[in-house]
Amino acid sequence: MKSNQKLTLLLWQRKSKATANGYAPIYCRMSIDGKEEELATGSKAHLDEWDSATKKAKGFPDSKRTNLRLNQITTDLERHFTLLQLEYDEVTPLMLKNVYNGLPAMQKKGAPKPEIKETPTLLQVADMNINSLEKMVNKNLRSNETLKQWKATRKKIAAFIKEVYRDIHLRIDEIDYSFATKFYNYLTIDRNPILSEASAKKQIKNTKQILSFAETHNYIDKNPIQKFRCGGDDTDVPPLEFHEVKTLWEKNISIQRLAEVRDAFIFQCFTGFAFQDVYGLTGDNIIKVGLKGELWLSKERGKTGVSEIVPIMPIAAEIIDKYANHPCRVNDGLLLPINSNARYNGYLKELAAIAGINRDLNTHLARHTFADMMLNIFEFSLEEVSKMLGHKSIRTTQRYAKVRKHKISKTWSRVRNNVFTKSGKLRQEII
């Protein structure tokens, strides 16, 4: 033990990572003998409400809770530092950071996680699940976007157990049903910023899968939160009406970036491709089908690896032809010029205002609109729509498209004429 070692902790705000609404994350800098490491605290404060002199949040409703959380973090770090001094001759900031994050003190940066022989912690199981997913991403069986979402869930779980359980080493066998309720309340009530109900349920659903992973690998006998209901009532996403799609397509857009976004959105409406799938479409995704050599689009979904295949309808073909000489095609071989997801959705909001459409346009709405049009207007069967969307299950497709009354009416009209006479009697040829 080096008796003269001293730990210095500095709370500071990383202004370079401030959000659009002015909130920036708070970090803790750990210094020992001239060496430094930084630890993300998981807390944020508005740029105008962080006192750089006192290192405290001030003036906003959650400032007291934020300061309590930061005080707890520094207290925990000091406690870990004292324990490490009893065990090692020399303590480094990296050792302190490792122990605080539930890792072995001597683990080097970038080193693989050690093989777990005893009952693992929740975060260790989350890491095993992520490692398994990374292997699938490397084999193109899952998308990088899915991997990012799981890593985000891991961060939220870590912040939650630090605040509520005060123990980053919470073992998998110490979790009971109440964990799900507490986590949900934390995400929707206590967290800064809070999550919407739907987003919180998604995080609980991911956590449930992590615990199922632990059950499958015999770390626990039974998933303790398996019966916690995440889905609730399915939230309907009303698709665009066909006249709104027509209005958007026929609208004269003079701003090039918005015209390109409009074309990409309409392309999604007539192909059903998700953003991440339409983003990387090339000429190689166009195939010929049947004796007539009809042109279709075919691609494995980045999210599930399931192939989706859809005929290229006239409007989609027109959009593809429109960008034949665009730099995206000439230089990169891409069918369409597509912005990043964040910019794309931002431009869609501008587009909705210009076109006079009172809806929150986003990339996923296009997919719902495609499903609705195929089922209710073009009269494809649910099974055919499911195949075009690249869904693994019809149940998933049923959440995208509902059978409308006018489709039932059209079907009834056809059935009535085929089965019944004008007087209402069964036709003889049917009997």
Protein backbone atom coordinates (compact mmCIF):
# COMPACT_ATOMS: atom_id res chain seq x y z
CA MET A 1 0.00 0.00 0.00
CA LYS A 2 1.30 3.43 -0.96
CA SER A 3 0.30 5.51 2.01
CA ASN A 4 1.07 8.79 0.27
CA GLN A 5 -1.25 8.18 -2.69
CA LYS A 6 -4.04 10.71 -2.96
CA LEU A 7 -7.25 10.53 -4.98
CA THR A 8 -8.61 13.73 -6.50
CA LEU A 9 -12.11 13.75 -7.99
CA LEU A 10 -13.35 16.51 -10.28
CA LEU A 11 -16.89 16.75 -11.57
CA TRP A 12 -17.11 18.61 -14.85
CA GLN A 13 -19.50 19.13 -17.73
CA ARG A 14 -18.59 18.04 -21.27
CA LYS A 15 -20.02 20.96 -23.23
CA SER A 16 -18.93 19.48 -26.57
CA LYS A 17 -21.58 16.77 -26.14
CA ALA A 18 -24.45 19.15 -25.35
CA THR A 19 -27.79 18.24 -26.91
CA ALA A 20 -29.83 20.60 -29.06
CA ASN A 21 -31.84 21.68 -26.01
CA GLY A 22 -28.73 22.59 -24.06
CA TYR A 23 -28.18 19.57 -21.80
CA ALA A 24 -24.62 18.29 -21.45
CA PRO A 25 -23.33 15.14 -19.69
CA ILE A 26 -21.42 15.35 -16.40
CA TYR A 27 -18.17 13.42 -16.03
CA CYS A 28 -15.98 12.61 -13.05
CA ARG A 29 -12.21 12.92 -13.55
CA MET A 30 -10.19 10.64 -11.27
CA SER A 31 -6.56 11.68 -10.67
CA ILE A 32 -3.91 9.67 -8.80
CA ASP A 33 -0.18 10.51 -8.94
CA GLY A 34 -0.58 12.49 -12.16
CA LYS A 35 -2.54 9.75 -13.95
CA GLU A 36 -6.15 10.40 -15.00
CA GLU A 37 -9.27 8.53 -16.08
CA GLU A 38 -12.74 9.86 -16.80
CA LEU A 39 -15.99 8.27 -15.74
CA ALA A 40 -19.39 9.06 -17.25
CA THR A 41 -21.79 9.65 -14.35
CA GLY A 42 -24.95 9.16 -16.40
CA SER A 43 -26.24 12.56 -15.25
CA LYS A 44 -26.89 15.65 -17.33
CA ALA A 45 -27.52 19.30 -16.56
CA HIS A 46 -28.39 22.32 -18.66
CA LEU A 47 -25.40 24.45 -19.60
CA ASP A 48 -26.95 27.41 -17.75
CA GLU A 49 -27.68 25.33 -14.65
CA TRP A 50 -24.26 23.83 -13.88
CA ASP A 51 -22.14 25.72 -11.35
CA SER A 52 -18.55 25.12 -12.42
CA ALA A 53 -17.28 26.63 -9.15
CA THR A 54 -19.22 24.41 -6.73
CA LYS A 55 -19.44 21.49 -9.19
CA LYS A 56 -23.16 21.21 -8.56
CA ALA A 57 -26.38 21.49 -10.55
CA LYS A 58 -28.62 24.37 -9.64
CA GLY A 59 -31.90 26.00 -10.50
CA PHE A 60 -33.81 23.19 -12.27
CA PRO A 61 -36.40 20.85 -10.71
CA ASP A 62 -34.16 17.77 -10.70
CA SER A 63 -31.02 19.52 -9.45
CA LYS A 64 -31.33 18.13 -5.91
CA ARG A 65 -31.68 14.56 -7.18
CA THR A 66 -28.80 15.07 -9.63
CA ASN A 67 -26.53 16.38 -6.89
CA LEU A 68 -27.42 13.47 -4.61
CA ARG A 69 -26.56 11.05 -7.39
CA LEU A 70 -23.21 12.77 -8.06
CA ASN A 71 -22.41 12.83 -4.34
CA GLN A 72 -23.13 9.09 -4.16
CA ILE A 73 -20.78 8.43 -7.09
CA THR A 74 -17.89 10.33 -5.48
CA THR A 75 -18.54 8.59 -2.16
CA ASP A 76 -18.49 5.18 -3.87
CA LEU A 77 -15.26 6.03 -5.70
CA GLU A 78 -13.57 7.09 -2.48
CA ARG A 79 -14.71 3.87 -0.78
CA HIS A 80 -13.41 1.73 -3.65
CA PHE A 81 -10.11 3.64 -3.57
CA THR A 82 -9.66 2.90 0.14
CA LEU A 83 -10.37 -0.81 -0.39
CA LEU A 84 -7.97 -0.98 -3.34
CA GLN A 85 -5.21 0.59 -1.21
CA LEU A 86 -5.58 -2.26 1.28
CA GLU A 87 -5.12 -4.83 -1.49
CA TYR A 88 -2.54 -3.29 -3.83
CA ASP A 89 0.78 -1.50 -3.35
CA GLU A 90 -0.16 1.03 -6.00
CA VAL A 91 -3.60 2.09 -7.20
CA THR A 92 -4.20 3.70 -10.61
CA PRO A 93 -7.26 5.58 -11.88
CA LEU A 94 -7.92 2.77 -14.37
CA MET A 95 -8.02 0.23 -11.53
CA LEU A 96 -10.51 2.42 -9.70
CA LYS A 97 -12.65 2.83 -12.80
CA ASN A 98 -12.60 -0.92 -13.46
CA VAL A 99 -13.74 -1.81 -9.95
CA TYR A 100 -16.47 0.84 -10.01
CA ASN A 101 -17.77 -0.60 -13.29
CA GLY A 102 -17.79 -4.15 -11.94
CA LEU A 103 -14.59 -5.31 -13.71
CA PRO A 104 -11.38 -6.83 -12.29
CA ALA A 105 -9.09 -4.11 -11.00
CA MET A 106 -6.12 -5.17 -13.15
CA GLN A 107 -8.04 -5.53 -16.41
CA LYS A 108 -6.38 -3.55 -19.19
CA LYS A 109 -8.24 -1.30 -21.59
CA GLY A 110 -9.68 -3.24 -24.51
CA ALA A 111 -8.95 -6.59 -22.88
CA PRO A 112 -11.59 -9.31 -23.32
CA LYS A 113 -13.94 -9.88 -20.43
CA PRO A 114 -12.72 -12.65 -18.10
CA GLU A 115 -14.47 -16.00 -18.16
CA ILE A 116 -17.07 -16.05 -15.43
CA LYS A 117 -16.99 -19.05 -13.12
CA GLU A 118 -19.26 -17.88 -10.29
CA THR A 119 -22.77 -16.48 -10.49
CA PRO A 120 -22.41 -13.49 -12.82
CA THR A 121 -23.70 -9.99 -12.29
CA LEU A 122 -26.50 -8.60 -14.42
CA LEU A 123 -24.05 -6.40 -16.32
CA GLN A 124 -21.74 -9.34 -16.99
CA VAL A 125 -24.63 -11.27 -18.53
CA ALA A 126 -25.56 -8.18 -20.55
CA ASP A 127 -21.97 -8.08 -21.84
CA MET A 128 -22.10 -11.78 -22.76
CA ASN A 129 -25.31 -11.16 -24.68
CA ILE A 130 -23.71 -8.20 -26.48
CA ASN A 131 -20.60 -10.25 -27.32
CA SER A 132 -22.83 -12.94 -28.81
CA LEU A 133 -24.65 -10.30 -30.85
CA GLU A 134 -21.35 -8.80 -32.06
CA LYS A 135 -20.42 -12.16 -33.57
CA MET A 136 -23.75 -12.22 -35.42
CA VAL A 137 -23.13 -8.67 -36.68
CA ASN A 138 -19.73 -9.74 -38.01
CA LYS A 139 -21.47 -12.50 -39.96
CA ASN A 140 -24.12 -10.06 -41.25
CA LEU A 141 -26.85 -11.87 -39.31
CA ARG A 142 -27.74 -8.74 -37.32
CA SER A 143 -27.33 -5.03 -37.98
CA ASN A 144 -25.00 -2.56 -36.27
CA GLU A 145 -28.08 -0.52 -35.39
CA THR A 146 -29.46 -3.43 -33.37
CA LEU A 147 -26.10 -3.77 -31.60
CA LYS A 148 -26.16 -0.06 -30.72
CA GLN A 149 -29.62 -0.45 -29.20
CA TRP A 150 -28.47 -3.30 -26.97
CA LYS A 151 -25.45 -1.32 -25.81
CA ALA A 152 -27.78 1.57 -25.00
CA THR A 153 -29.95 -0.78 -22.91
CA ARG A 154 -26.84 -1.92 -21.03
CA LYS A 155 -25.99 1.69 -20.15
CA LYS A 156 -29.51 2.35 -18.89
CA ILE A 157 -29.44 -0.78 -16.74
CA ALA A 158 -26.06 0.24 -15.29
CA ALA A 159 -27.31 3.73 -14.42
CA PHE A 160 -30.44 2.26 -12.85
CA ILE A 161 -28.76 -0.27 -10.57
CA LYS A 162 -26.19 2.33 -9.48
CA GLU A 163 -28.94 4.70 -8.40
CA VAL A 164 -31.60 2.33 -7.07
CA TYR A 165 -29.65 -0.71 -5.83
CA ARG A 166 -26.43 1.18 -5.04
CA ASP A 167 -24.56 -1.86 -6.26
CA ILE A 168 -23.01 -2.16 -9.70
CA HIS A 169 -22.26 -5.81 -8.85
CA LEU A 170 -25.91 -6.83 -8.58
CA ARG A 171 -25.86 -10.58 -9.19
CA ILE A 172 -28.22 -12.21 -11.62
CA ASP A 173 -29.65 -14.45 -8.87
CA GLU A 174 -30.49 -11.43 -6.69
CA ILE A 175 -33.07 -10.13 -9.16
CA ASP A 176 -36.76 -10.68 -8.50
CA TYR A 177 -40.01 -9.60 -10.15
CA SER A 178 -39.91 -6.18 -8.48
CA PHE A 179 -36.81 -5.35 -10.54
CA ALA A 180 -38.95 -4.83 -13.65
CA THR A 181 -41.39 -2.51 -11.85
CA LYS A 182 -38.57 -0.48 -10.30
CA PHE A 183 -36.74 -0.21 -13.63
CA TYR A 184 -39.91 0.89 -15.42
CA ASN A 185 -40.63 3.56 -12.78
CA TYR A 186 -37.02 4.75 -12.94
CA LEU A 187 -37.16 5.14 -16.73
CA THR A 188 -40.54 6.90 -16.81
CA ILE A 189 -40.40 8.95 -13.58
CA ASP A 190 -36.95 9.32 -12.04
CA ARG A 191 -34.53 9.28 -14.96
CA ASN A 192 -33.29 12.52 -16.50
CA PRO A 193 -34.50 12.73 -19.19
CA ILE A 194 -37.45 10.40 -18.73
CA LEU A 195 -38.48 7.94 -21.45
CA SER A 196 -41.86 7.57 -23.04
CA GLU A 197 -43.98 4.62 -21.97
CA ALA A 198 -43.29 2.80 -25.24
CA SER A 199 -39.51 3.38 -25.01
CA ALA A 200 -39.44 2.24 -21.38
CA LYS A 201 -41.29 -0.96 -22.23
CA LYS A 202 -38.75 -1.62 -24.98
CA GLN A 203 -35.94 -1.40 -22.40
CA ILE A 204 -37.78 -3.78 -20.06
CA LYS A 205 -38.31 -6.15 -22.97
CA ASN A 206 -34.58 -6.13 -23.72
CA THR A 207 -33.80 -6.73 -20.05
CA LYS A 208 -36.21 -9.65 -20.08
CA GLN A 209 -34.23 -11.11 -23.00
CA ILE A 210 -30.97 -10.67 -21.08
CA LEU A 211 -32.44 -12.65 -18.18
CA SER A 212 -33.69 -15.28 -20.61
CA PHE A 213 -30.12 -15.49 -21.92
CA ALA A 214 -29.00 -16.15 -18.31
CA GLU A 215 -31.68 -18.82 -17.93
CA THR A 216 -30.63 -20.52 -21.17
CA HIS A 217 -27.01 -20.62 -19.97
CA ASN A 218 -28.03 -22.05 -16.57
CA TYR A 219 -27.01 -19.04 -14.50
CA ILE A 220 -30.54 -18.89 -13.07
CA ASP A 221 -33.31 -21.46 -12.89
CA LYS A 222 -36.07 -19.15 -14.09
CA ASN A 223 -36.41 -15.69 -15.59
CA PRO A 224 -37.81 -13.68 -12.63
CA ILE A 225 -39.47 -10.99 -14.77
CA GLN A 226 -40.80 -13.25 -17.53
CA LYS A 227 -44.42 -12.52 -16.58
CA PHE A 228 -43.93 -8.75 -16.54
CA ARG A 229 -46.10 -7.44 -19.34
CA CYS A 230 -44.22 -5.18 -21.71
CA GLY A 231 -46.47 -5.06 -24.74
CA GLY A 232 -49.68 -3.71 -23.30
CA ASP A 233 -52.25 -2.84 -25.93
CA ASP A 234 -50.71 -2.61 -29.37
CA THR A 235 -50.37 1.04 -30.29
CA ASP A 236 -51.80 1.66 -33.72
CA VAL A 237 -49.67 3.76 -36.03
CA PRO A 238 -52.19 5.31 -38.42
CA PRO A 239 -50.71 5.15 -41.93
CA LEU A 240 -50.88 8.04 -44.34
CA GLU A 241 -54.07 8.15 -46.34
CA PHE A 242 -53.59 7.46 -50.05
CA HIS A 243 -54.52 11.05 -50.95
CA GLU A 244 -51.77 12.30 -48.59
CA VAL A 245 -49.21 10.08 -50.34
CA LYS A 246 -50.44 11.42 -53.70
CA THR A 247 -50.23 15.03 -52.48
CA LEU A 248 -46.68 14.53 -51.25
CA TRP A 249 -45.59 12.87 -54.50
CA GLU A 250 -47.11 15.52 -56.74
CA LYS A 251 -45.96 18.50 -54.64
CA ASN A 252 -43.47 20.73 -56.47
CA ILE A 253 -40.42 20.94 -54.17
CA SER A 254 -37.83 23.54 -55.23
CA ILE A 255 -35.32 22.81 -52.45
CA GLN A 256 -33.11 19.97 -53.66
CA ARG A 257 -32.38 18.38 -50.27
CA LEU A 258 -36.12 18.25 -49.48
CA ALA A 259 -36.97 16.97 -52.94
CA GLU A 260 -34.50 14.11 -52.44
CA VAL A 261 -35.96 13.30 -49.02
CA ARG A 262 -39.48 13.37 -50.49
CA ASP A 263 -38.45 10.94 -53.21
CA ALA A 264 -36.80 8.61 -50.69
CA PHE A 265 -39.90 8.67 -48.46
CA ILE A 266 -42.25 7.95 -51.37
CA PHE A 267 -39.88 5.20 -52.48
CA GLN A 268 -40.28 3.68 -49.01
CA CYS A 269 -44.06 3.99 -49.28
CA PHE A 270 -44.04 1.93 -52.49
CA THR A 271 -41.42 -0.64 -51.47
CA GLY A 272 -41.90 -1.03 -47.71
CA PHE A 273 -38.14 -0.98 -47.15
CA ALA A 274 -36.94 0.24 -43.73
CA PHE A 275 -34.51 3.15 -43.59
CA GLN A 276 -31.41 1.04 -42.96
CA ASP A 277 -32.32 -1.20 -45.92
CA VAL A 278 -33.16 1.49 -48.46
CA TYR A 279 -30.01 3.37 -47.37
CA GLY A 280 -27.67 0.85 -48.97
CA LEU A 281 -29.66 -0.25 -52.03
CA THR A 282 -27.59 -0.70 -55.19
CA GLY A 283 -28.22 -2.02 -58.68
CA ASP A 284 -27.31 -5.48 -57.38
CA ASN A 285 -30.58 -5.49 -55.43
CA ILE A 286 -32.62 -5.31 -58.66
CA ILE A 287 -33.50 -8.76 -59.97
CA LYS A 288 -35.58 -10.12 -62.85
CA VAL A 289 -38.52 -12.35 -62.01
CA GLY A 290 -40.58 -14.66 -64.23
CA LEU A 291 -40.63 -15.25 -67.96
CA LYS A 292 -41.40 -11.61 -68.63
CA GLY A 293 -38.35 -10.51 -66.65
CA GLU A 294 -40.23 -8.14 -64.36
CA LEU A 295 -37.92 -6.01 -62.22
CA TRP A 296 -38.11 -6.60 -58.47
CA LEU A 297 -36.12 -5.41 -55.46
CA SER A 298 -34.63 -8.04 -53.18
CA LYS A 299 -32.61 -7.53 -50.02
CA GLU A 300 -31.99 -9.18 -46.67
CA ARG A 301 -33.32 -7.02 -43.87
CA GLY A 302 -30.52 -5.62 -41.74
CA LYS A 303 -32.61 -6.08 -38.61
CA THR A 304 -33.60 -9.73 -38.99
CA GLY A 305 -31.64 -11.19 -41.90
CA VAL A 306 -34.94 -12.25 -43.53
CA SER A 307 -35.23 -11.52 -47.26
CA GLU A 308 -37.82 -9.03 -48.40
CA ILE A 309 -38.75 -9.01 -52.04
CA VAL A 310 -41.11 -6.60 -53.75
CA PRO A 311 -42.01 -5.73 -57.35
CA ILE A 312 -40.73 -2.36 -58.50
CA MET A 313 -43.92 -0.36 -58.98
CA PRO A 314 -44.04 2.46 -61.57
CA ILE A 315 -43.51 5.29 -59.07
CA ALA A 316 -40.53 3.49 -57.49
CA ALA A 317 -39.11 2.86 -60.99
CA GLU A 318 -39.54 6.54 -61.85
CA ILE A 319 -37.60 7.54 -58.73
CA ILE A 320 -34.78 5.09 -59.50
CA ASP A 321 -34.51 6.45 -63.07
CA LYS A 322 -34.52 10.04 -61.77
CA TYR A 323 -31.17 9.54 -60.03
CA ALA A 324 -29.40 7.68 -62.84
CA ASN A 325 -26.81 10.48 -63.18
CA HIS A 326 -26.74 11.60 -59.56
CA PRO A 327 -23.32 11.42 -57.78
CA CYS A 328 -24.75 8.81 -55.39
CA ARG A 329 -25.21 6.46 -58.38
CA VAL A 330 -22.18 7.49 -60.41
CA ASN A 331 -19.67 7.53 -57.53
CA ASP A 332 -21.11 5.05 -55.02
CA GLY A 333 -23.47 2.87 -57.03
CA LEU A 334 -26.40 3.66 -54.72
CA LEU A 335 -29.93 3.81 -56.11
CA LEU A 336 -30.93 6.86 -54.06
CA PRO A 337 -29.27 9.74 -52.18
CA ILE A 338 -30.15 9.09 -48.52
CA ASN A 339 -29.25 11.28 -45.54
CA SER A 340 -28.44 9.98 -42.08
CA ASN A 341 -31.51 8.85 -40.15
CA ALA A 342 -31.53 11.89 -37.84
CA ARG A 343 -31.25 14.40 -40.70
CA TYR A 344 -33.71 12.41 -42.79
CA ASN A 345 -36.41 12.57 -40.10
CA GLY A 346 -35.65 16.24 -39.47
CA TYR A 347 -36.11 17.08 -43.16
CA LEU A 348 -39.35 15.07 -43.23
CA LYS A 349 -40.82 17.45 -40.64
CA GLU A 350 -40.00 20.38 -42.95
CA LEU A 351 -41.50 18.47 -45.86
CA ALA A 352 -44.76 17.82 -44.01
CA ALA A 353 -45.15 21.56 -43.34
CA ILE A 354 -44.47 22.50 -46.98
CA ALA A 355 -46.91 19.87 -48.29
CA GLY A 356 -49.60 20.81 -45.76
CA ILE A 357 -49.70 17.33 -44.21
CA ASN A 358 -50.59 17.50 -40.53
CA ARG A 359 -48.69 14.35 -39.57
CA ASP A 360 -45.38 13.58 -37.91
CA LEU A 361 -43.60 12.11 -40.90
CA ASN A 362 -40.81 9.64 -40.09
CA THR A 363 -39.09 6.76 -41.82
CA HIS A 364 -41.11 4.07 -40.08
CA LEU A 365 -44.44 5.68 -41.03
CA ALA A 366 -43.59 4.99 -44.68
CA ARG A 367 -43.33 1.27 -43.90
CA HIS A 368 -46.71 1.27 -42.18
CA THR A 369 -48.18 3.18 -45.12
CA PHE A 370 -46.81 0.61 -47.58
CA ALA A 371 -48.39 -2.24 -45.58
CA ASP A 372 -51.74 -0.46 -45.47
CA MET A 373 -51.78 0.31 -49.19
CA MET A 374 -50.77 -3.21 -50.19
CA LEU A 375 -53.44 -4.81 -48.01
CA ASN A 376 -56.36 -2.43 -48.38
CA ILE A 377 -55.94 -0.69 -51.74
CA PHE A 378 -53.91 -3.07 -53.90
CA GLU A 379 -55.58 -6.06 -52.20
CA PHE A 380 -52.55 -8.24 -51.59
CA SER A 381 -53.11 -10.95 -48.99
CA LEU A 382 -51.69 -10.57 -45.49
CA GLU A 383 -49.24 -13.41 -46.23
CA GLU A 384 -48.02 -11.63 -49.38
CA VAL A 385 -47.61 -8.33 -47.51
CA SER A 386 -45.69 -10.15 -44.78
CA LYS A 387 -43.30 -11.58 -47.36
CA MET A 388 -42.75 -8.19 -48.99
CA LEU A 389 -42.01 -6.62 -45.61
CA GLY A 390 -39.53 -9.35 -44.74
CA HIS A 391 -41.34 -10.29 -41.55
CA LYS A 392 -40.67 -13.59 -39.80
CA SER A 393 -44.22 -13.79 -38.48
CA ILE A 394 -47.70 -12.87 -39.69
CA ARG A 395 -48.32 -11.52 -36.19
CA THR A 396 -45.72 -8.82 -36.79
CA THR A 397 -47.42 -7.86 -40.05
CA GLN A 398 -50.77 -7.61 -38.27
CA ARG A 399 -49.32 -4.79 -36.15
CA TYR A 400 -48.41 -2.92 -39.33
CA ALA A 401 -51.65 -3.18 -41.26
CA LYS A 402 -55.27 -3.50 -40.22
CA VAL A 403 -58.03 -4.59 -42.56
CA ARG A 404 -60.19 -1.54 -43.22
CA LYS A 405 -63.97 -1.41 -43.56
CA HIS A 406 -63.87 -0.44 -47.23
CA LYS A 407 -61.84 -3.57 -48.03
CA ILE A 408 -64.41 -5.70 -46.21
CA SER A 409 -67.11 -3.87 -48.15
CA LYS A 410 -65.42 -4.54 -51.50
CA THR A 411 -64.92 -8.19 -50.64
CA TRP A 412 -68.52 -8.51 -49.52
CA SER A 413 -69.73 -6.91 -52.74
CA ARG A 414 -67.77 -9.46 -54.78
CA VAL A 415 -68.94 -12.37 -52.65
CA ARG A 416 -72.54 -11.21 -52.72
CA ASN A 417 -72.60 -11.05 -56.52
CA ASN A 418 -70.89 -14.42 -56.88
CA VAL A 419 -72.86 -16.32 -54.25
CA PHE A 420 -76.31 -14.68 -54.07
CA THR A 421 -78.92 -13.74 -56.66
CA LYS A 422 -80.47 -10.31 -56.72
CA SER A 423 -83.39 -11.70 -54.72
CA GLY A 424 -80.99 -12.89 -52.01
CA LYS A 425 -81.12 -16.62 -52.77
CA LEU A 426 -78.05 -18.80 -53.14
CA ARG A 427 -76.98 -19.23 -56.74
CA GLN A 428 -77.68 -22.71 -58.03
CA GLU A 429 -74.14 -23.28 -59.23
CA ILE A 430 -72.82 -22.74 -55.67
CA ILE A 431 -75.06 -25.43 -54.16
